[in-house]
Amino acid sequence: MISILSFIVVIGICVISHEFGHYITAKACGVQVHEFSFGMGPVLWKHKIERTLWSVR
């Protein structure tokens, strides 16, 4: 059970850091980012900073 949870945490960290790289690159190139979210489905948490909606789904 611990190994499955560890796998999920590690994959989550990898996915978030990878997608954040896309976000940073888009902002550096002047592209407007409407939403940065992690996961799929209904919104569990959201917060708007400047023009970007940050959410966990």
PDB file of N, CA and C in Angstrom:
ATOM      1  N   MET A   1       0.819  -1.190   0.000  1.00  0.00           N
ATOM      2  CA  MET A   1       0.000   0.000   0.000  1.00  0.00           C
ATOM      3  C   MET A   1       0.869   1.261   0.000  1.00  0.00           C
ATOM      4  N   ILE A   2       1.934   1.251   0.783  1.00  0.00           N
ATOM      5  CA  ILE A   2       2.845   2.397   0.833  1.00  0.00           C
ATOM      6  C   ILE A   2       3.483   2.644  -0.531  1.00  0.00           C
ATOM      7  N   SER A   3       3.837   1.578  -1.245  1.00  0.00           N
ATOM      8  CA  SER A   3       4.480   1.756  -2.547  1.00  0.00           C
ATOM      9  C   SER A   3       3.507   2.364  -3.564  1.00  0.00           C
ATOM     10  N   ILE A   4       2.234   2.023  -3.486  1.00  0.00           N
ATOM     11  CA  ILE A   4       1.241   2.604  -4.397  1.00  0.00           C
ATOM     12  C   ILE A   4       1.070   4.092  -4.100  1.00  0.00           C
ATOM     13  N   LEU A   5       0.966   4.447  -2.825  1.00  0.00           N
ATOM     14  CA  LEU A   5       0.837   5.857  -2.453  1.00  0.00           C
ATOM     15  C   LEU A   5       2.085   6.648  -2.834  1.00  0.00           C
ATOM     16  N   SER A   6       3.244   6.055  -2.634  1.00  0.00           N
ATOM     17  CA  SER A   6       4.500   6.711  -3.013  1.00  0.00           C
ATOM     18  C   SER A   6       4.551   6.955  -4.517  1.00  0.00           C
ATOM     19  N   PHE A   7       4.118   5.966  -5.282  1.00  0.00           N
ATOM     20  CA  PHE A   7       4.080   6.095  -6.742  1.00  0.00           C
ATOM     21  C   PHE A   7       3.165   7.251  -7.152  1.00  0.00           C
ATOM     22  N   ILE A   8       1.980   7.327  -6.558  1.00  0.00           N
ATOM     23  CA  ILE A   8       1.027   8.388  -6.886  1.00  0.00           C
ATOM     24  C   ILE A   8       1.598   9.758  -6.541  1.00  0.00           C
ATOM     25  N   VAL A   9       2.250   9.883  -5.400  1.00  0.00           N
ATOM     26  CA  VAL A   9       2.851  11.155  -5.002  1.00  0.00           C
ATOM     27  C   VAL A   9       3.962  11.560  -5.966  1.00  0.00           C
ATOM     28  N   VAL A  10       4.831  10.624  -6.319  1.00  0.00           N
ATOM     29  CA  VAL A  10       5.952  10.924  -7.224  1.00  0.00           C
ATOM     30  C   VAL A  10       5.435  11.314  -8.607  1.00  0.00           C
ATOM     31  N   ILE A  11       4.465  10.578  -9.134  1.00  0.00           N
ATOM     32  CA  ILE A  11       3.891  10.911 -10.439  1.00  0.00           C
ATOM     33  C   ILE A  11       3.220  12.276 -10.374  1.00  0.00           C
ATOM     34  N   GLY A  12       2.511  12.559  -9.278  1.00  0.00           N
ATOM     35  CA  GLY A  12       1.871  13.861  -9.115  1.00  0.00           C
ATOM     36  C   GLY A  12       2.866  15.001  -9.144  1.00  0.00           C
ATOM     37  N   ILE A  13       3.979  14.839  -8.445  1.00  0.00           N
ATOM     38  CA  ILE A  13       5.026  15.866  -8.431  1.00  0.00           C
ATOM     39  C   ILE A  13       5.618  16.045  -9.826  1.00  0.00           C
ATOM     40  N   CYS A  14       5.847  14.951 -10.527  1.00  0.00           N
ATOM     41  CA  CYS A  14       6.396  15.033 -11.889  1.00  0.00           C
ATOM     42  C   CYS A  14       5.434  15.750 -12.831  1.00  0.00           C
ATOM     43  N   VAL A  15       4.155  15.422 -12.760  1.00  0.00           N
ATOM     44  CA  VAL A  15       3.161  16.037 -13.642  1.00  0.00           C
ATOM     45  C   VAL A  15       3.025  17.525 -13.342  1.00  0.00           C
ATOM     46  N   ILE A  16       2.940  17.886 -12.059  1.00  0.00           N
ATOM     47  CA  ILE A  16       2.794  19.298 -11.697  1.00  0.00           C
ATOM     48  C   ILE A  16       4.011  20.102 -12.149  1.00  0.00           C
ATOM     49  N   SER A  17       5.208  19.584 -11.921  1.00  0.00           N
ATOM     50  CA  SER A  17       6.406  20.331 -12.321  1.00  0.00           C
ATOM     51  C   SER A  17       6.501  20.441 -13.848  1.00  0.00           C
ATOM     52  N   HIS A  18       6.094  19.408 -14.557  1.00  0.00           N
ATOM     53  CA  HIS A  18       6.107  19.434 -16.027  1.00  0.00           C
ATOM     54  C   HIS A  18       5.125  20.486 -16.545  1.00  0.00           C
ATOM     55  N   GLU A  19       3.905  20.466 -16.047  1.00  0.00           N
ATOM     56  CA  GLU A  19       2.891  21.426 -16.490  1.00  0.00           C
ATOM     57  C   GLU A  19       3.238  22.851 -16.071  1.00  0.00           C
ATOM     58  N   PHE A  20       3.871  23.020 -14.918  1.00  0.00           N
ATOM     59  CA  PHE A  20       4.296  24.347 -14.481  1.00  0.00           C
ATOM     60  C   PHE A  20       5.353  24.901 -15.433  1.00  0.00           C
ATOM     61  N   GLY A  21       6.163  24.023 -16.012  1.00  0.00           N
ATOM     62  CA  GLY A  21       7.131  24.446 -17.028  1.00  0.00           C
ATOM     63  C   GLY A  21       6.429  25.029 -18.245  1.00  0.00           C
ATOM     64  N   HIS A  22       5.323  24.407 -18.661  1.00  0.00           N
ATOM     65  CA  HIS A  22       4.521  24.949 -19.761  1.00  0.00           C
ATOM     66  C   HIS A  22       3.970  26.326 -19.382  1.00  0.00           C
ATOM     67  N   TYR A  23       3.499  26.456 -18.146  1.00  0.00           N
ATOM     68  CA  TYR A  23       2.940  27.719 -17.664  1.00  0.00           C
ATOM     69  C   TYR A  23       3.989  28.830 -17.699  1.00  0.00           C
ATOM     70  N   ILE A  24       5.166  28.556 -17.152  1.00  0.00           N
ATOM     71  CA  ILE A  24       6.250  29.552 -17.109  1.00  0.00           C
ATOM     72  C   ILE A  24       6.669  29.956 -18.522  1.00  0.00           C
ATOM     73  N   THR A  25       6.767  28.984 -19.422  1.00  0.00           N
ATOM     74  CA  THR A  25       7.155  29.272 -20.800  1.00  0.00           C
ATOM     75  C   THR A  25       6.108  30.138 -21.493  1.00  0.00           C
ATOM     76  N   ALA A  26       4.833  29.818 -21.292  1.00  0.00           N
ATOM     77  CA  ALA A  26       3.761  30.604 -21.905  1.00  0.00           C
ATOM     78  C   ALA A  26       3.792  32.040 -21.394  1.00  0.00           C
ATOM     79  N   LYS A  27       3.939  32.217 -20.083  1.00  0.00           N
ATOM     80  CA  LYS A  27       3.987  33.564 -19.519  1.00  0.00           C
ATOM     81  C   LYS A  27       5.204  34.339 -20.040  1.00  0.00           C
ATOM     82  N   ALA A  28       6.334  33.657 -20.183  1.00  0.00           N
ATOM     83  CA  ALA A  28       7.550  34.310 -20.678  1.00  0.00           C
ATOM     84  C   ALA A  28       7.407  34.746 -22.139  1.00  0.00           C
ATOM     85  N   CYS A  29       6.580  34.020 -22.900  1.00  0.00           N
ATOM     86  CA  CYS A  29       6.363  34.356 -24.313  1.00  0.00           C
ATOM     87  C   CYS A  29       5.183  35.297 -24.516  1.00  0.00           C
ATOM     88  N   GLY A  30       4.558  35.727 -23.432  1.00  0.00           N
ATOM     89  CA  GLY A  30       3.463  36.679 -23.533  1.00  0.00           C
ATOM     90  C   GLY A  30       2.103  36.074 -23.808  1.00  0.00           C
ATOM     91  N   VAL A  31       1.964  34.765 -23.631  1.00  0.00           N
ATOM     92  CA  VAL A  31       0.686  34.098 -23.852  1.00  0.00           C
ATOM     93  C   VAL A  31      -0.141  34.182 -22.569  1.00  0.00           C
ATOM     94  N   GLN A  32      -1.421  34.564 -22.707  1.00  0.00           N
ATOM     95  CA  GLN A  32      -2.297  34.645 -21.537  1.00  0.00           C
ATOM     96  C   GLN A  32      -2.715  33.236 -21.126  1.00  0.00           C
ATOM     97  N   VAL A  33      -2.576  32.931 -19.843  1.00  0.00           N
ATOM     98  CA  VAL A  33      -2.960  31.623 -19.302  1.00  0.00           C
ATOM     99  C   VAL A  33      -4.246  31.825 -18.511  1.00  0.00           C
ATOM    100  N   HIS A  34      -5.330  31.203 -18.965  1.00  0.00           N
ATOM    101  CA  HIS A  34      -6.623  31.364 -18.309  1.00  0.00           C
ATOM    102  C   HIS A  34      -6.735  30.513 -17.045  1.00  0.00           C
ATOM    103  N   GLU A  35      -6.232  29.272 -17.106  1.00  0.00           N
ATOM    104  CA  GLU A  35      -6.368  28.374 -15.953  1.00  0.00           C
ATOM    105  C   GLU A  35      -5.188  27.413 -15.881  1.00  0.00           C
ATOM    106  N   PHE A  36      -4.708  27.187 -14.667  1.00  0.00           N
ATOM    107  CA  PHE A  36      -3.704  26.162 -14.387  1.00  0.00           C
ATOM    108  C   PHE A  36      -4.347  25.228 -13.377  1.00  0.00           C
ATOM    109  N   SER A  37      -4.588  23.986 -13.803  1.00  0.00           N
ATOM    110  CA  SER A  37      -5.269  23.059 -12.894  1.00  0.00           C
ATOM    111  C   SER A  37      -4.529  21.739 -12.827  1.00  0.00           C
ATOM    112  N   PHE A  38      -4.732  21.054 -11.726  1.00  0.00           N
ATOM    113  CA  PHE A  38      -4.167  19.725 -11.514  1.00  0.00           C
ATOM    114  C   PHE A  38      -5.319  18.761 -11.310  1.00  0.00           C
ATOM    115  N   GLY A  39      -5.399  17.738 -12.140  1.00  0.00           N
ATOM    116  CA  GLY A  39      -6.456  16.745 -12.031  1.00  0.00           C
ATOM    117  C   GLY A  39      -7.572  16.982 -13.034  1.00  0.00           C
ATOM    118  N   MET A  40      -8.592  16.144 -12.947  1.00  0.00           N
ATOM    119  CA  MET A  40      -9.747  16.234 -13.835  1.00  0.00           C
ATOM    120  C   MET A  40     -11.009  16.106 -12.990  1.00  0.00           C
ATOM    121  N   GLY A  41     -12.126  16.521 -13.562  1.00  0.00           N
ATOM    122  CA  GLY A  41     -13.395  16.409 -12.856  1.00  0.00           C
ATOM    123  C   GLY A  41     -13.804  17.721 -12.225  1.00  0.00           C
ATOM    124  N   PRO A  42     -14.685  17.643 -11.227  1.00  0.00           N
ATOM    125  CA  PRO A  42     -15.170  18.879 -10.598  1.00  0.00           C
ATOM    126  C   PRO A  42     -14.084  19.575  -9.780  1.00  0.00           C
ATOM    127  N   VAL A  43     -14.217  20.876  -9.650  1.00  0.00           N
ATOM    128  CA  VAL A  43     -13.235  21.686  -8.922  1.00  0.00           C
ATOM    129  C   VAL A  43     -13.353  21.422  -7.424  1.00  0.00           C
ATOM    130  N   LEU A  44     -12.226  21.087  -6.783  1.00  0.00           N
ATOM    131  CA  LEU A  44     -12.172  20.896  -5.336  1.00  0.00           C
ATOM    132  C   LEU A  44     -11.695  22.168  -4.639  1.00  0.00           C
ATOM    133  N   TRP A  45     -10.817  22.895  -5.306  1.00  0.00           N
ATOM    134  CA  TRP A  45     -10.260  24.132  -4.758  1.00  0.00           C
ATOM    135  C   TRP A  45      -9.896  25.032  -5.927  1.00  0.00           C
ATOM    136  N   LYS A  46     -10.137  26.336  -5.802  1.00  0.00           N
ATOM    137  CA  LYS A  46      -9.726  27.272  -6.839  1.00  0.00           C
ATOM    138  C   LYS A  46      -9.384  28.613  -6.215  1.00  0.00           C
ATOM    139  N   HIS A  47      -8.481  29.315  -6.888  1.00  0.00           N
ATOM    140  CA  HIS A  47      -8.042  30.629  -6.426  1.00  0.00           C
ATOM    141  C   HIS A  47      -7.557  31.408  -7.639  1.00  0.00           C
ATOM    142  N   LYS A  48      -8.011  32.638  -7.790  1.00  0.00           N
ATOM    143  CA  LYS A  48      -7.601  33.455  -8.920  1.00  0.00           C
ATOM    144  C   LYS A  48      -6.501  34.410  -8.492  1.00  0.00           C
ATOM    145  N   ILE A  49      -5.369  34.339  -9.188  1.00  0.00           N
ATOM    146  CA  ILE A  49      -4.238  35.234  -8.969  1.00  0.00           C
ATOM    147  C   ILE A  49      -4.000  35.957 -10.283  1.00  0.00           C
ATOM    148  N   GLU A  50      -4.086  37.288 -10.225  1.00  0.00           N
ATOM    149  CA  GLU A  50      -4.020  38.134 -11.416  1.00  0.00           C
ATOM    150  C   GLU A  50      -5.084  37.661 -12.412  1.00  0.00           C
ATOM    151  N   ARG A  51      -4.698  37.165 -13.566  1.00  0.00           N
ATOM    152  CA  ARG A  51      -5.679  36.727 -14.565  1.00  0.00           C
ATOM    153  C   ARG A  51      -5.746  35.204 -14.690  1.00  0.00           C
ATOM    154  N   THR A  52      -5.022  34.468 -13.871  1.00  0.00           N
ATOM    155  CA  THR A  52      -4.966  33.019 -13.964  1.00  0.00           C
ATOM    156  C   THR A  52      -5.756  32.377 -12.829  1.00  0.00           C
ATOM    157  N   LEU A  53      -6.608  31.423 -13.185  1.00  0.00           N
ATOM    158  CA  LEU A  53      -7.351  30.649 -12.195  1.00  0.00           C
ATOM    159  C   LEU A  53      -6.557  29.387 -11.878  1.00  0.00           C
ATOM    160  N   TRP A  54      -6.159  29.234 -10.626  1.00  0.00           N
ATOM    161  CA  TRP A  54      -5.419  28.054 -10.157  1.00  0.00           C
ATOM    162  C   TRP A  54      -6.419  27.120  -9.520  1.00  0.00           C
ATOM    163  N   SER A  55      -6.423  25.834  -9.905  1.00  0.00           N
ATOM    164  CA  SER A  55      -7.423  24.923  -9.343  1.00  0.00           C
ATOM    165  C   SER A  55      -6.872  23.510  -9.181  1.00  0.00           C
ATOM    166  N   VAL A  56      -7.485  22.820  -8.220  1.00  0.00           N
ATOM    167  CA  VAL A  56      -7.231  21.398  -8.013  1.00  0.00           C
ATOM    168  C   VAL A  56      -8.551  20.706  -8.292  1.00  0.00           C
ATOM    169  N   ARG A  57      -8.499  19.703  -9.119  1.00  0.00           N
ATOM    170  CA  ARG A  57      -9.724  18.987  -9.510  1.00  0.00           C
ATOM    171  C   ARG A  57      -9.637  17.558  -9.050  1.00  0.00           C
TER     172      ARG A  57
END
